[in-house]
Amino acid sequence: MSDLLPTIAVTTGDPAGIGPDICLRLLDDASAPRFGARIVVLADRSLLAERAAALNLTGSLRDWNPSLPAQPGTLDVLHLPLPVVARPGCLDPANAPYVLALLDRALAGCQSGEFAAMVTAPVHKGVINDAGIPFSGHTEYLAERTGTHRVVMMLAGGGLRVALVTTHLPLKDVPAAVTRTAVDETLRILHHEMGHKYGIPRPRILVAGLNPHAGEGGYLGREEIEVISPVLDHLRREFGMTLLGPLPADTMFSPSVLARGDCVLAMYHDQGLTALKYASFGHGINVTLGLPIIRTSVDHGTALELAGSGQADPGSLFVAIEQAITMAERGRSLQG
């Protein structure tokens, strides 16, 4: 019965990028997996029709109606209108409100129970800011919209799960943001969500240091001694968490070290995600931990140069949808 299947909302991201392209690949029976869920794509219907024609994709677009069963070769579309016509590869600040409207509608559906999860295609942070709208990323935006004090960005793929204490910050601002509170709250969220979203109730977490060689006993920085280690000691003692570290980041991703953990906590963006994207680019995903909803995403950007070319790989989107479905089903089973 279709009404027993979870409904997953997929936002198409910036209309000038590859988001519409990869979402339209859900029409392609030769490449799209058979999902055990209802998939609804949030986009301007005309945009999708024009891009599908340019990509020579067959199939039909249908207005979203939850009472209608899924139909092979048909993409269910929840229409939201573009302010101005979008051209592949050409960013337009006038369409920034549309990009955020997609997120707001998917979020509202998740909060109301209409959708079991949301999956997001890439947005372009720069053009949203050019429109006069402060925006540092999906993670931060959804945290603000849900009133969540702290969320955790985690990428998964290539056999790795890497979470971050800080996300989209200039490197010069990272040390001040790596506080005891930030490390403590991030670890609590990561520990909890590894159980609820991944079924690992007692995860082994590998924790990176901030400095080269994890500070070299204080000679290369004291954050490991004064910030990170005291938090790890407290959480081990008070809650019995299995936390290994602080570890030197340059050797933490070696197979022998990774074998000792279920996930990694890095202190900043490139410290953790360079290794993960090397191992999984194009098929990794982004998961936001700590939200009151399920949100997964692709692990790549808008790739403006590929928009409308037919060369965009939908692999990461498909994995993000599959993981959102798995998390939704696990959440439903936990609720009884």
C-alpha atoms as a PDB file:
ATOM      1  CA  MET A   1       0.000   0.000   0.000  1.00  0.00           C
ATOM      2  CA  SER A   2       1.462   3.362  -1.023  1.00  0.00           C
ATOM      3  CA  ASP A   3       0.188   5.088   2.104  1.00  0.00           C
ATOM      4  CA  LEU A   4       2.471   2.856   4.193  1.00  0.00           C
ATOM      5  CA  LEU A   5       5.565   4.050   2.371  1.00  0.00           C
ATOM      6  CA  PRO A   6       7.492   7.064   3.691  1.00  0.00           C
ATOM      7  CA  THR A   7       7.325  10.190   1.555  1.00  0.00           C
ATOM      8  CA  ILE A   8      10.670  11.851   0.871  1.00  0.00           C
ATOM      9  CA  ALA A   9      10.828  15.483  -0.242  1.00  0.00           C
ATOM     10  CA  VAL A  10      13.698  16.306  -2.609  1.00  0.00           C
ATOM     11  CA  THR A  11      14.600  19.964  -3.155  1.00  0.00           C
ATOM     12  CA  THR A  12      16.231  20.817  -6.480  1.00  0.00           C
ATOM     13  CA  GLY A  13      18.620  23.508  -5.233  1.00  0.00           C
ATOM     14  CA  ASP A  14      19.834  26.393  -7.338  1.00  0.00           C
ATOM     15  CA  PRO A  15      17.988  26.358 -10.672  1.00  0.00           C
ATOM     16  CA  ALA A  16      21.154  27.318 -12.572  1.00  0.00           C
ATOM     17  CA  GLY A  17      23.097  24.336 -11.250  1.00  0.00           C
ATOM     18  CA  ILE A  18      22.944  20.575 -11.655  1.00  0.00           C
ATOM     19  CA  GLY A  19      20.258  20.107  -8.992  1.00  0.00           C
ATOM     20  CA  PRO A  20      17.397  19.953 -11.507  1.00  0.00           C
ATOM     21  CA  ASP A  21      19.463  17.641 -13.754  1.00  0.00           C
ATOM     22  CA  ILE A  22      20.200  15.031 -11.102  1.00  0.00           C
ATOM     23  CA  CYS A  23      16.640  15.133  -9.750  1.00  0.00           C
ATOM     24  CA  LEU A  24      15.325  14.500 -13.246  1.00  0.00           C
ATOM     25  CA  ARG A  25      17.475  11.385 -13.430  1.00  0.00           C
ATOM     26  CA  LEU A  26      14.886   9.840 -11.113  1.00  0.00           C
ATOM     27  CA  LEU A  27      12.917   9.420 -14.359  1.00  0.00           C
ATOM     28  CA  ASP A  28      15.665   7.245 -15.804  1.00  0.00           C
ATOM     29  CA  ASP A  29      14.740   3.614 -15.162  1.00  0.00           C
ATOM     30  CA  ALA A  30      18.161   2.554 -16.418  1.00  0.00           C
ATOM     31  CA  SER A  31      20.056   4.402 -13.678  1.00  0.00           C
ATOM     32  CA  ALA A  32      17.662   5.278 -10.829  1.00  0.00           C
ATOM     33  CA  PRO A  33      17.258   2.648  -8.108  1.00  0.00           C
ATOM     34  CA  ARG A  34      13.810   1.445  -7.126  1.00  0.00           C
ATOM     35  CA  PHE A  35      13.157   3.270  -3.883  1.00  0.00           C
ATOM     36  CA  GLY A  36      10.848   1.829  -1.256  1.00  0.00           C
ATOM     37  CA  ALA A  37       9.268   5.242  -0.742  1.00  0.00           C
ATOM     38  CA  ARG A  38       7.221   7.971  -2.398  1.00  0.00           C
ATOM     39  CA  ILE A  39       9.520  10.616  -3.859  1.00  0.00           C
ATOM     40  CA  VAL A  40       8.260  14.163  -4.432  1.00  0.00           C
ATOM     41  CA  VAL A  41      10.532  16.729  -6.104  1.00  0.00           C
ATOM     42  CA  LEU A  42      10.134  20.393  -5.149  1.00  0.00           C
ATOM     43  CA  ALA A  43      10.759  22.677  -8.117  1.00  0.00           C
ATOM     44  CA  ASP A  44       9.285  24.955 -10.725  1.00  0.00           C
ATOM     45  CA  ARG A  45       7.484  22.592 -13.102  1.00  0.00           C
ATOM     46  CA  SER A  46       8.451  24.569 -16.208  1.00  0.00           C
ATOM     47  CA  LEU A  47      12.104  24.534 -15.206  1.00  0.00           C
ATOM     48  CA  LEU A  48      12.032  20.750 -14.943  1.00  0.00           C
ATOM     49  CA  ALA A  49      10.172  20.367 -18.228  1.00  0.00           C
ATOM     50  CA  GLU A  50      12.667  22.570 -20.066  1.00  0.00           C
ATOM     51  CA  ARG A  51      15.695  20.836 -18.542  1.00  0.00           C
ATOM     52  CA  ALA A  52      14.234  17.375 -19.230  1.00  0.00           C
ATOM     53  CA  ALA A  53      13.769  18.318 -22.894  1.00  0.00           C
ATOM     54  CA  ALA A  54      17.331  19.629 -23.101  1.00  0.00           C
ATOM     55  CA  LEU A  55      18.634  16.387 -21.579  1.00  0.00           C
ATOM     56  CA  ASN A  56      16.459  14.210 -23.835  1.00  0.00           C
ATOM     57  CA  LEU A  57      14.899  12.523 -20.823  1.00  0.00           C
ATOM     58  CA  THR A  58      11.654  10.720 -21.433  1.00  0.00           C
ATOM     59  CA  GLY A  59       8.879  10.334 -18.896  1.00  0.00           C
ATOM     60  CA  SER A  60       6.268  12.631 -17.487  1.00  0.00           C
ATOM     61  CA  LEU A  61       5.964  15.229 -14.744  1.00  0.00           C
ATOM     62  CA  ARG A  62       2.887  15.016 -12.542  1.00  0.00           C
ATOM     63  CA  ASP A  63       1.566  17.427  -9.939  1.00  0.00           C
ATOM     64  CA  TRP A  64       2.112  15.994  -6.485  1.00  0.00           C
ATOM     65  CA  ASN A  65      -0.950  14.290  -5.085  1.00  0.00           C
ATOM     66  CA  PRO A  66      -0.340  11.993  -2.097  1.00  0.00           C
ATOM     67  CA  SER A  67      -3.488  10.017  -2.894  1.00  0.00           C
ATOM     68  CA  LEU A  68      -2.082   8.867  -6.245  1.00  0.00           C
ATOM     69  CA  PRO A  69       0.182   5.795  -6.278  1.00  0.00           C
ATOM     70  CA  ALA A  70       3.726   6.055  -7.576  1.00  0.00           C
ATOM     71  CA  GLN A  71       3.975   5.399 -11.293  1.00  0.00           C
ATOM     72  CA  PRO A  72       7.093   4.237 -13.189  1.00  0.00           C
ATOM     73  CA  GLY A  73       8.414   6.855 -15.578  1.00  0.00           C
ATOM     74  CA  THR A  74       6.560   9.624 -13.759  1.00  0.00           C
ATOM     75  CA  LEU A  75       8.085  12.220 -11.484  1.00  0.00           C
ATOM     76  CA  ASP A  76       5.834  13.761  -8.847  1.00  0.00           C
ATOM     77  CA  VAL A  77       6.476  17.509  -8.632  1.00  0.00           C
ATOM     78  CA  LEU A  78       5.430  19.941  -5.930  1.00  0.00           C
ATOM     79  CA  HIS A  79       5.420  23.158  -7.942  1.00  0.00           C
ATOM     80  CA  LEU A  80       6.945  26.362  -6.595  1.00  0.00           C
ATOM     81  CA  PRO A  81       7.300  29.183  -9.149  1.00  0.00           C
ATOM     82  CA  LEU A  82      10.589  30.753 -10.182  1.00  0.00           C
ATOM     83  CA  PRO A  83      10.695  34.565  -9.981  1.00  0.00           C
ATOM     84  CA  VAL A  84      12.677  34.739 -13.242  1.00  0.00           C
ATOM     85  CA  VAL A  85      13.578  32.223 -15.921  1.00  0.00           C
ATOM     86  CA  ALA A  86      16.717  30.273 -15.054  1.00  0.00           C
ATOM     87  CA  ARG A  87      19.409  29.373 -17.557  1.00  0.00           C
ATOM     88  CA  PRO A  88      21.842  26.484 -16.952  1.00  0.00           C
ATOM     89  CA  GLY A  89      25.140  27.744 -15.592  1.00  0.00           C
ATOM     90  CA  CYS A  90      23.956  31.357 -15.123  1.00  0.00           C
ATOM     91  CA  LEU A  91      23.437  32.340 -11.515  1.00  0.00           C
ATOM     92  CA  ASP A  92      20.778  34.974 -10.814  1.00  0.00           C
ATOM     93  CA  PRO A  93      20.326  36.560  -7.368  1.00  0.00           C
ATOM     94  CA  ALA A  94      16.661  37.152  -8.263  1.00  0.00           C
ATOM     95  CA  ASN A  95      16.074  33.405  -7.816  1.00  0.00           C
ATOM     96  CA  ALA A  96      17.650  33.225  -4.339  1.00  0.00           C
ATOM     97  CA  PRO A  97      14.254  33.538  -2.553  1.00  0.00           C
ATOM     98  CA  TYR A  98      13.002  30.606  -4.642  1.00  0.00           C
ATOM     99  CA  VAL A  99      15.915  28.438  -3.485  1.00  0.00           C
ATOM    100  CA  LEU A 100      15.070  29.162   0.148  1.00  0.00           C
ATOM    101  CA  ALA A 101      11.341  28.683  -0.508  1.00  0.00           C
ATOM    102  CA  LEU A 102      12.096  25.117  -1.600  1.00  0.00           C
ATOM    103  CA  LEU A 103      13.838  24.485   1.722  1.00  0.00           C
ATOM    104  CA  ASP A 104      11.084  26.141   3.737  1.00  0.00           C
ATOM    105  CA  ARG A 105       8.364  24.083   2.048  1.00  0.00           C
ATOM    106  CA  ALA A 106      10.222  20.805   2.513  1.00  0.00           C
ATOM    107  CA  LEU A 107      10.937  21.667   6.133  1.00  0.00           C
ATOM    108  CA  ALA A 108       7.304  22.579   6.800  1.00  0.00           C
ATOM    109  CA  GLY A 109       6.231  19.243   5.325  1.00  0.00           C
ATOM    110  CA  CYS A 110       8.672  17.363   7.533  1.00  0.00           C
ATOM    111  CA  GLN A 111       7.512  19.217  10.627  1.00  0.00           C
ATOM    112  CA  SER A 112       3.842  18.535   9.877  1.00  0.00           C
ATOM    113  CA  GLY A 113       4.377  14.845   9.125  1.00  0.00           C
ATOM    114  CA  GLU A 114       3.550  15.249   5.430  1.00  0.00           C
ATOM    115  CA  PHE A 115       7.113  14.165   4.602  1.00  0.00           C
ATOM    116  CA  ALA A 116       9.238  11.621   6.465  1.00  0.00           C
ATOM    117  CA  ALA A 117      12.517  13.297   5.454  1.00  0.00           C
ATOM    118  CA  MET A 118      14.020  15.893   3.164  1.00  0.00           C
ATOM    119  CA  VAL A 119      16.900  15.471   0.720  1.00  0.00           C
ATOM    120  CA  THR A 120      18.600  18.561  -0.678  1.00  0.00           C
ATOM    121  CA  ALA A 121      20.345  19.177  -3.984  1.00  0.00           C
ATOM    122  CA  PRO A 122      23.143  21.781  -3.971  1.00  0.00           C
ATOM    123  CA  VAL A 123      22.671  25.505  -3.510  1.00  0.00           C
ATOM    124  CA  HIS A 124      25.120  28.316  -4.245  1.00  0.00           C
ATOM    125  CA  LYS A 125      25.927  30.236  -1.065  1.00  0.00           C
ATOM    126  CA  GLY A 126      27.484  33.159  -2.907  1.00  0.00           C
ATOM    127  CA  VAL A 127      24.474  34.053  -5.049  1.00  0.00           C
ATOM    128  CA  ILE A 128      22.139  33.875  -2.049  1.00  0.00           C
ATOM    129  CA  ASN A 129      24.361  36.344  -0.218  1.00  0.00           C
ATOM    130  CA  ASP A 130      24.550  38.475  -3.353  1.00  0.00           C
ATOM    131  CA  ALA A 131      20.764  38.754  -3.088  1.00  0.00           C
ATOM    132  CA  GLY A 132      21.199  40.366   0.333  1.00  0.00           C
ATOM    133  CA  ILE A 133      20.226  37.240   2.280  1.00  0.00           C
ATOM    134  CA  PRO A 134      22.850  36.124   4.829  1.00  0.00           C
ATOM    135  CA  PHE A 135      23.364  32.394   4.229  1.00  0.00           C
ATOM    136  CA  SER A 136      26.250  30.143   5.235  1.00  0.00           C
ATOM    137  CA  GLY A 137      24.775  26.772   4.298  1.00  0.00           C
ATOM    138  CA  HIS A 138      21.885  24.325   4.552  1.00  0.00           C
ATOM    139  CA  THR A 139      23.079  23.105   7.946  1.00  0.00           C
ATOM    140  CA  GLU A 140      23.018  26.494   9.593  1.00  0.00           C
ATOM    141  CA  TYR A 141      19.845  27.588   7.808  1.00  0.00           C
ATOM    142  CA  LEU A 142      17.846  24.558   8.948  1.00  0.00           C
ATOM    143  CA  ALA A 143      19.166  24.933  12.479  1.00  0.00           C
ATOM    144  CA  GLU A 144      17.928  28.526  12.582  1.00  0.00           C
ATOM    145  CA  ARG A 145      14.575  27.663  11.038  1.00  0.00           C
ATOM    146  CA  THR A 146      13.925  24.877  13.554  1.00  0.00           C
ATOM    147  CA  GLY A 147      15.247  26.800  16.549  1.00  0.00           C
ATOM    148  CA  THR A 148      17.911  24.145  17.133  1.00  0.00           C
ATOM    149  CA  HIS A 149      20.735  25.384  19.342  1.00  0.00           C
ATOM    150  CA  ARG A 150      23.401  23.195  17.769  1.00  0.00           C
ATOM    151  CA  VAL A 151      23.414  20.836  14.826  1.00  0.00           C
ATOM    152  CA  VAL A 152      26.251  18.696  13.539  1.00  0.00           C
ATOM    153  CA  MET A 153      27.322  18.360   9.924  1.00  0.00           C
ATOM    154  CA  MET A 154      28.406  14.821   9.069  1.00  0.00           C
ATOM    155  CA  LEU A 155      29.427  13.396   5.724  1.00  0.00           C
ATOM    156  CA  ALA A 156      29.302   9.677   5.036  1.00  0.00           C
ATOM    157  CA  GLY A 157      30.733   7.646   2.191  1.00  0.00           C
ATOM    158  CA  GLY A 158      33.620   5.442   1.158  1.00  0.00           C
ATOM    159  CA  GLY A 159      33.260   3.527   4.408  1.00  0.00           C
ATOM    160  CA  LEU A 160      33.749   6.718   6.461  1.00  0.00           C
ATOM    161  CA  ARG A 161      31.510   8.849   8.653  1.00  0.00           C
ATOM    162  CA  VAL A 162      33.057  12.243   9.449  1.00  0.00           C
ATOM    163  CA  ALA A 163      31.378  14.846  11.662  1.00  0.00           C
ATOM    164  CA  LEU A 164      32.577  18.403  12.263  1.00  0.00           C
ATOM    165  CA  VAL A 165      32.812  20.662  15.302  1.00  0.00           C
ATOM    166  CA  THR A 166      32.918  23.774  13.082  1.00  0.00           C
ATOM    167  CA  THR A 167      31.519  24.007   9.570  1.00  0.00           C
ATOM    168  CA  HIS A 168      31.678  26.898   7.102  1.00  0.00           C
ATOM    169  CA  LEU A 169      34.130  29.250   8.805  1.00  0.00           C
ATOM    170  CA  PRO A 170      37.234  31.026   7.533  1.00  0.00           C
ATOM    171  CA  LEU A 171      40.244  29.084   8.779  1.00  0.00           C
ATOM    172  CA  LYS A 172      41.420  32.058  10.850  1.00  0.00           C
ATOM    173  CA  ASP A 173      38.204  31.866  12.913  1.00  0.00           C
ATOM    174  CA  VAL A 174      38.355  28.149  13.669  1.00  0.00           C
ATOM    175  CA  PRO A 175      40.543  28.094  16.831  1.00  0.00           C
ATOM    176  CA  ALA A 176      38.266  30.512  18.686  1.00  0.00           C
ATOM    177  CA  ALA A 177      35.223  28.431  17.690  1.00  0.00           C
ATOM    178  CA  VAL A 178      36.699  25.180  19.013  1.00  0.00           C
ATOM    179  CA  THR A 179      35.561  25.675  22.610  1.00  0.00           C
ATOM    180  CA  ARG A 180      34.864  23.170  25.351  1.00  0.00           C
ATOM    181  CA  THR A 181      31.158  23.783  24.909  1.00  0.00           C
ATOM    182  CA  ALA A 182      31.307  23.256  21.155  1.00  0.00           C
ATOM    183  CA  VAL A 183      33.260  19.998  21.439  1.00  0.00           C
ATOM    184  CA  ASP A 184      31.068  18.728  24.293  1.00  0.00           C
ATOM    185  CA  GLU A 185      27.749  19.466  22.595  1.00  0.00           C
ATOM    186  CA  THR A 186      28.909  18.118  19.254  1.00  0.00           C
ATOM    187  CA  LEU A 187      30.029  14.823  20.804  1.00  0.00           C
ATOM    188  CA  ARG A 188      26.755  14.407  22.683  1.00  0.00           C
ATOM    189  CA  ILE A 189      24.752  14.919  19.487  1.00  0.00           C
ATOM    190  CA  LEU A 190      27.021  12.622  17.471  1.00  0.00           C
ATOM    191  CA  HIS A 191      26.848   9.875  20.095  1.00  0.00           C
ATOM    192  CA  HIS A 192      23.038  10.083  20.299  1.00  0.00           C
ATOM    193  CA  GLU A 193      22.443  10.236  16.548  1.00  0.00           C
ATOM    194  CA  MET A 194      24.764   7.327  15.775  1.00  0.00           C
ATOM    195  CA  GLY A 195      22.289   5.228  17.736  1.00  0.00           C
ATOM    196  CA  HIS A 196      19.091   6.722  16.350  1.00  0.00           C
ATOM    197  CA  LYS A 197      20.105   7.179  12.715  1.00  0.00           C
ATOM    198  CA  TYR A 198      22.663   4.404  12.256  1.00  0.00           C
ATOM    199  CA  GLY A 199      21.674   1.806  14.836  1.00  0.00           C
ATOM    200  CA  ILE A 200      24.993   1.998  16.734  1.00  0.00           C
ATOM    201  CA  PRO A 201      23.993   2.790  20.334  1.00  0.00           C
ATOM    202  CA  ARG A 202      27.546   2.732  21.746  1.00  0.00           C
ATOM    203  CA  PRO A 203      29.676   4.210  18.956  1.00  0.00           C
ATOM    204  CA  ARG A 204      33.449   4.362  19.045  1.00  0.00           C
ATOM    205  CA  ILE A 205      34.323   7.933  18.109  1.00  0.00           C
ATOM    206  CA  LEU A 206      37.771   8.952  16.828  1.00  0.00           C
ATOM    207  CA  VAL A 207      38.432  12.575  17.787  1.00  0.00           C
ATOM    208  CA  ALA A 208      40.982  14.687  15.937  1.00  0.00           C
ATOM    209  CA  GLY A 209      43.196  17.274  17.520  1.00  0.00           C
ATOM    210  CA  LEU A 210      43.169  20.801  16.142  1.00  0.00           C
ATOM    211  CA  ASN A 211      46.887  21.307  15.617  1.00  0.00           C
ATOM    212  CA  PRO A 212      49.531  19.362  13.673  1.00  0.00           C
ATOM    213  CA  HIS A 213      50.507  16.201  15.551  1.00  0.00           C
ATOM    214  CA  ALA A 214      47.633  16.936  17.948  1.00  0.00           C
ATOM    215  CA  GLY A 215      49.693  19.755  19.435  1.00  0.00           C
ATOM    216  CA  GLU A 216      52.898  17.766  20.027  1.00  0.00           C
ATOM    217  CA  GLY A 217      52.438  17.947  23.805  1.00  0.00           C
ATOM    218  CA  GLY A 218      51.751  21.683  23.694  1.00  0.00           C
ATOM    219  CA  TYR A 219      54.682  22.694  21.489  1.00  0.00           C
ATOM    220  CA  LEU A 220      52.430  23.149  18.436  1.00  0.00           C
ATOM    221  CA  GLY A 221      49.394  24.513  20.236  1.00  0.00           C
ATOM    222  CA  ARG A 222      47.565  23.989  23.506  1.00  0.00           C
ATOM    223  CA  GLU A 223      43.954  23.451  22.354  1.00  0.00           C
ATOM    224  CA  GLU A 224      44.329  19.682  22.777  1.00  0.00           C
ATOM    225  CA  ILE A 225      45.470  20.113  26.384  1.00  0.00           C
ATOM    226  CA  GLU A 226      43.190  22.951  27.431  1.00  0.00           C
ATOM    227  CA  VAL A 227      40.028  22.324  25.399  1.00  0.00           C
ATOM    228  CA  ILE A 228      39.660  18.921  23.737  1.00  0.00           C
ATOM    229  CA  SER A 229      41.169  16.472  26.260  1.00  0.00           C
ATOM    230  CA  PRO A 230      39.228  17.812  29.283  1.00  0.00           C
ATOM    231  CA  VAL A 231      35.969  17.343  27.381  1.00  0.00           C
ATOM    232  CA  LEU A 232      36.863  13.811  26.328  1.00  0.00           C
ATOM    233  CA  ASP A 233      37.851  12.908  29.885  1.00  0.00           C
ATOM    234  CA  HIS A 234      34.552  14.257  31.243  1.00  0.00           C
ATOM    235  CA  LEU A 235      32.366  12.431  28.731  1.00  0.00           C
ATOM    236  CA  ARG A 236      34.243   9.170  29.238  1.00  0.00           C
ATOM    237  CA  ARG A 237      33.941   9.438  33.003  1.00  0.00           C
ATOM    238  CA  GLU A 238      30.360  10.675  33.276  1.00  0.00           C
ATOM    239  CA  PHE A 239      28.668   8.884  30.370  1.00  0.00           C
ATOM    240  CA  GLY A 240      30.961   6.005  29.484  1.00  0.00           C
ATOM    241  CA  MET A 241      31.478   7.213  25.916  1.00  0.00           C
ATOM    242  CA  THR A 242      34.161   5.453  23.882  1.00  0.00           C
ATOM    243  CA  LEU A 243      36.277   8.355  22.645  1.00  0.00           C
ATOM    244  CA  LEU A 244      39.735   7.892  21.154  1.00  0.00           C
ATOM    245  CA  GLY A 245      41.867  11.007  20.988  1.00  0.00           C
ATOM    246  CA  PRO A 246      42.748  13.702  20.492  1.00  0.00           C
ATOM    247  CA  LEU A 247      44.468  12.081  17.507  1.00  0.00           C
ATOM    248  CA  PRO A 248      46.830  13.612  14.929  1.00  0.00           C
ATOM    249  CA  ALA A 249      44.642  14.334  11.908  1.00  0.00           C
ATOM    250  CA  ASP A 250      47.330  13.401   9.384  1.00  0.00           C
ATOM    251  CA  THR A 251      47.375   9.747  10.514  1.00  0.00           C
ATOM    252  CA  MET A 252      43.802   9.408  11.785  1.00  0.00           C
ATOM    253  CA  PHE A 253      42.525   8.281   8.388  1.00  0.00           C
ATOM    254  CA  SER A 254      44.960   5.385   8.089  1.00  0.00           C
ATOM    255  CA  PRO A 255      43.197   1.982   7.897  1.00  0.00           C
ATOM    256  CA  SER A 256      44.613   0.760  11.204  1.00  0.00           C
ATOM    257  CA  VAL A 257      43.251   3.775  13.098  1.00  0.00           C
ATOM    258  CA  LEU A 258      39.902   3.872  11.291  1.00  0.00           C
ATOM    259  CA  ALA A 259      39.361   0.208  12.180  1.00  0.00           C
ATOM    260  CA  ARG A 260      39.162   1.245  15.836  1.00  0.00           C
ATOM    261  CA  GLY A 261      36.176   3.577  15.358  1.00  0.00           C
ATOM    262  CA  ASP A 262      32.656   3.858  13.966  1.00  0.00           C
ATOM    263  CA  CYS A 263      32.939   7.546  13.067  1.00  0.00           C
ATOM    264  CA  VAL A 264      35.346  10.468  13.150  1.00  0.00           C
ATOM    265  CA  LEU A 265      34.982  13.910  14.718  1.00  0.00           C
ATOM    266  CA  ALA A 266      37.118  16.561  13.008  1.00  0.00           C
ATOM    267  CA  MET A 267      37.609  20.058  14.325  1.00  0.00           C
ATOM    268  CA  TYR A 268      37.098  21.906  11.024  1.00  0.00           C
ATOM    269  CA  HIS A 269      35.805  21.452   7.488  1.00  0.00           C
ATOM    270  CA  ASP A 270      38.833  20.571   5.376  1.00  0.00           C
ATOM    271  CA  GLN A 271      40.541  18.621   8.143  1.00  0.00           C
ATOM    272  CA  GLY A 272      37.870  15.951   7.966  1.00  0.00           C
ATOM    273  CA  LEU A 273      36.265  16.263   4.569  1.00  0.00           C
ATOM    274  CA  THR A 274      39.330  16.171   2.351  1.00  0.00           C
ATOM    275  CA  ALA A 275      39.919  12.516   3.202  1.00  0.00           C
ATOM    276  CA  LEU A 276      36.239  11.620   2.990  1.00  0.00           C
ATOM    277  CA  LYS A 277      35.690  13.233  -0.391  1.00  0.00           C
ATOM    278  CA  TYR A 278      38.823  11.592  -1.756  1.00  0.00           C
ATOM    279  CA  ALA A 279      37.362   8.241  -0.731  1.00  0.00           C
ATOM    280  CA  SER A 280      33.784   8.824  -1.847  1.00  0.00           C
ATOM    281  CA  PHE A 281      33.294  11.885  -4.052  1.00  0.00           C
ATOM    282  CA  GLY A 282      30.141  11.610  -6.116  1.00  0.00           C
ATOM    283  CA  HIS A 283      28.674   8.913  -3.918  1.00  0.00           C
ATOM    284  CA  GLY A 284      29.032  10.346  -0.432  1.00  0.00           C
ATOM    285  CA  ILE A 285      26.278  12.198   1.360  1.00  0.00           C
ATOM    286  CA  ASN A 286      25.800  14.951   3.922  1.00  0.00           C
ATOM    287  CA  VAL A 287      23.642  14.279   6.988  1.00  0.00           C
ATOM    288  CA  THR A 288      22.555  16.972   9.435  1.00  0.00           C
ATOM    289  CA  LEU A 289      22.556  15.564  12.965  1.00  0.00           C
ATOM    290  CA  GLY A 290      20.614  17.094  15.844  1.00  0.00           C
ATOM    291  CA  LEU A 291      17.639  18.447  13.891  1.00  0.00           C
ATOM    292  CA  PRO A 292      14.084  17.449  14.847  1.00  0.00           C
ATOM    293  CA  ILE A 293      13.714  16.160  11.255  1.00  0.00           C
ATOM    294  CA  ILE A 294      15.729  13.922   8.924  1.00  0.00           C
ATOM    295  CA  ARG A 295      17.791  15.776   6.343  1.00  0.00           C
ATOM    296  CA  THR A 296      20.361  14.297   3.970  1.00  0.00           C
ATOM    297  CA  SER A 297      22.086  15.902   1.021  1.00  0.00           C
ATOM    298  CA  VAL A 298      24.502  15.411  -1.823  1.00  0.00           C
ATOM    299  CA  ASP A 299      28.188  15.889  -1.056  1.00  0.00           C
ATOM    300  CA  HIS A 300      28.944  18.185  -4.003  1.00  0.00           C
ATOM    301  CA  GLY A 301      28.214  21.684  -5.226  1.00  0.00           C
ATOM    302  CA  THR A 302      26.178  23.223  -8.011  1.00  0.00           C
ATOM    303  CA  ALA A 303      28.753  22.361 -10.740  1.00  0.00           C
ATOM    304  CA  LEU A 304      27.523  25.204 -12.954  1.00  0.00           C
ATOM    305  CA  GLU A 305      29.743  24.115 -15.820  1.00  0.00           C
ATOM    306  CA  LEU A 306      27.869  20.791 -16.037  1.00  0.00           C
ATOM    307  CA  ALA A 307      24.327  22.141 -15.755  1.00  0.00           C
ATOM    308  CA  GLY A 308      22.221  21.145 -18.732  1.00  0.00           C
ATOM    309  CA  SER A 309      25.032  19.042 -20.225  1.00  0.00           C
ATOM    310  CA  GLY A 310      23.779  15.604 -19.261  1.00  0.00           C
ATOM    311  CA  GLN A 311      27.152  14.869 -17.626  1.00  0.00           C
ATOM    312  CA  ALA A 312      26.107  15.345 -13.972  1.00  0.00           C
ATOM    313  CA  ASP A 313      26.359  12.163 -11.906  1.00  0.00           C
ATOM    314  CA  PRO A 314      23.229  11.532  -9.780  1.00  0.00           C
ATOM    315  CA  GLY A 315      24.943   8.913  -7.614  1.00  0.00           C
ATOM    316  CA  SER A 316      25.234  11.042  -4.485  1.00  0.00           C
ATOM    317  CA  LEU A 317      21.570  12.062  -4.730  1.00  0.00           C
ATOM    318  CA  PHE A 318      20.447   8.454  -5.013  1.00  0.00           C
ATOM    319  CA  VAL A 319      22.504   7.457  -1.964  1.00  0.00           C
ATOM    320  CA  ALA A 320      21.132  10.446  -0.019  1.00  0.00           C
ATOM    321  CA  ILE A 321      17.568   9.351  -0.806  1.00  0.00           C
ATOM    322  CA  GLU A 322      18.300   5.744   0.146  1.00  0.00           C
ATOM    323  CA  GLN A 323      19.824   6.828   3.455  1.00  0.00           C
ATOM    324  CA  ALA A 324      16.912   9.165   4.214  1.00  0.00           C
ATOM    325  CA  ILE A 325      14.501   6.278   3.677  1.00  0.00           C
ATOM    326  CA  THR A 326      16.537   3.993   5.942  1.00  0.00           C
ATOM    327  CA  MET A 327      16.656   6.635   8.669  1.00  0.00           C
ATOM    328  CA  ALA A 328      12.918   7.306   8.363  1.00  0.00           C
ATOM    329  CA  GLU A 329      12.125   3.622   8.688  1.00  0.00           C
ATOM    330  CA  ARG A 330      14.483   3.229  11.642  1.00  0.00           C
ATOM    331  CA  GLY A 331      12.866   6.231  13.334  1.00  0.00           C
ATOM    332  CA  ARG A 332       9.423   4.783  12.770  1.00  0.00           C
ATOM    333  CA  SER A 333      10.456   1.461  14.311  1.00  0.00           C
ATOM    334  CA  LEU A 334      11.939   3.230  17.351  1.00  0.00           C
ATOM    335  CA  GLN A 335       8.596   4.960  17.864  1.00  0.00           C
ATOM    336  CA  GLY A 336       6.882   1.599  18.048  1.00  0.00           C
END
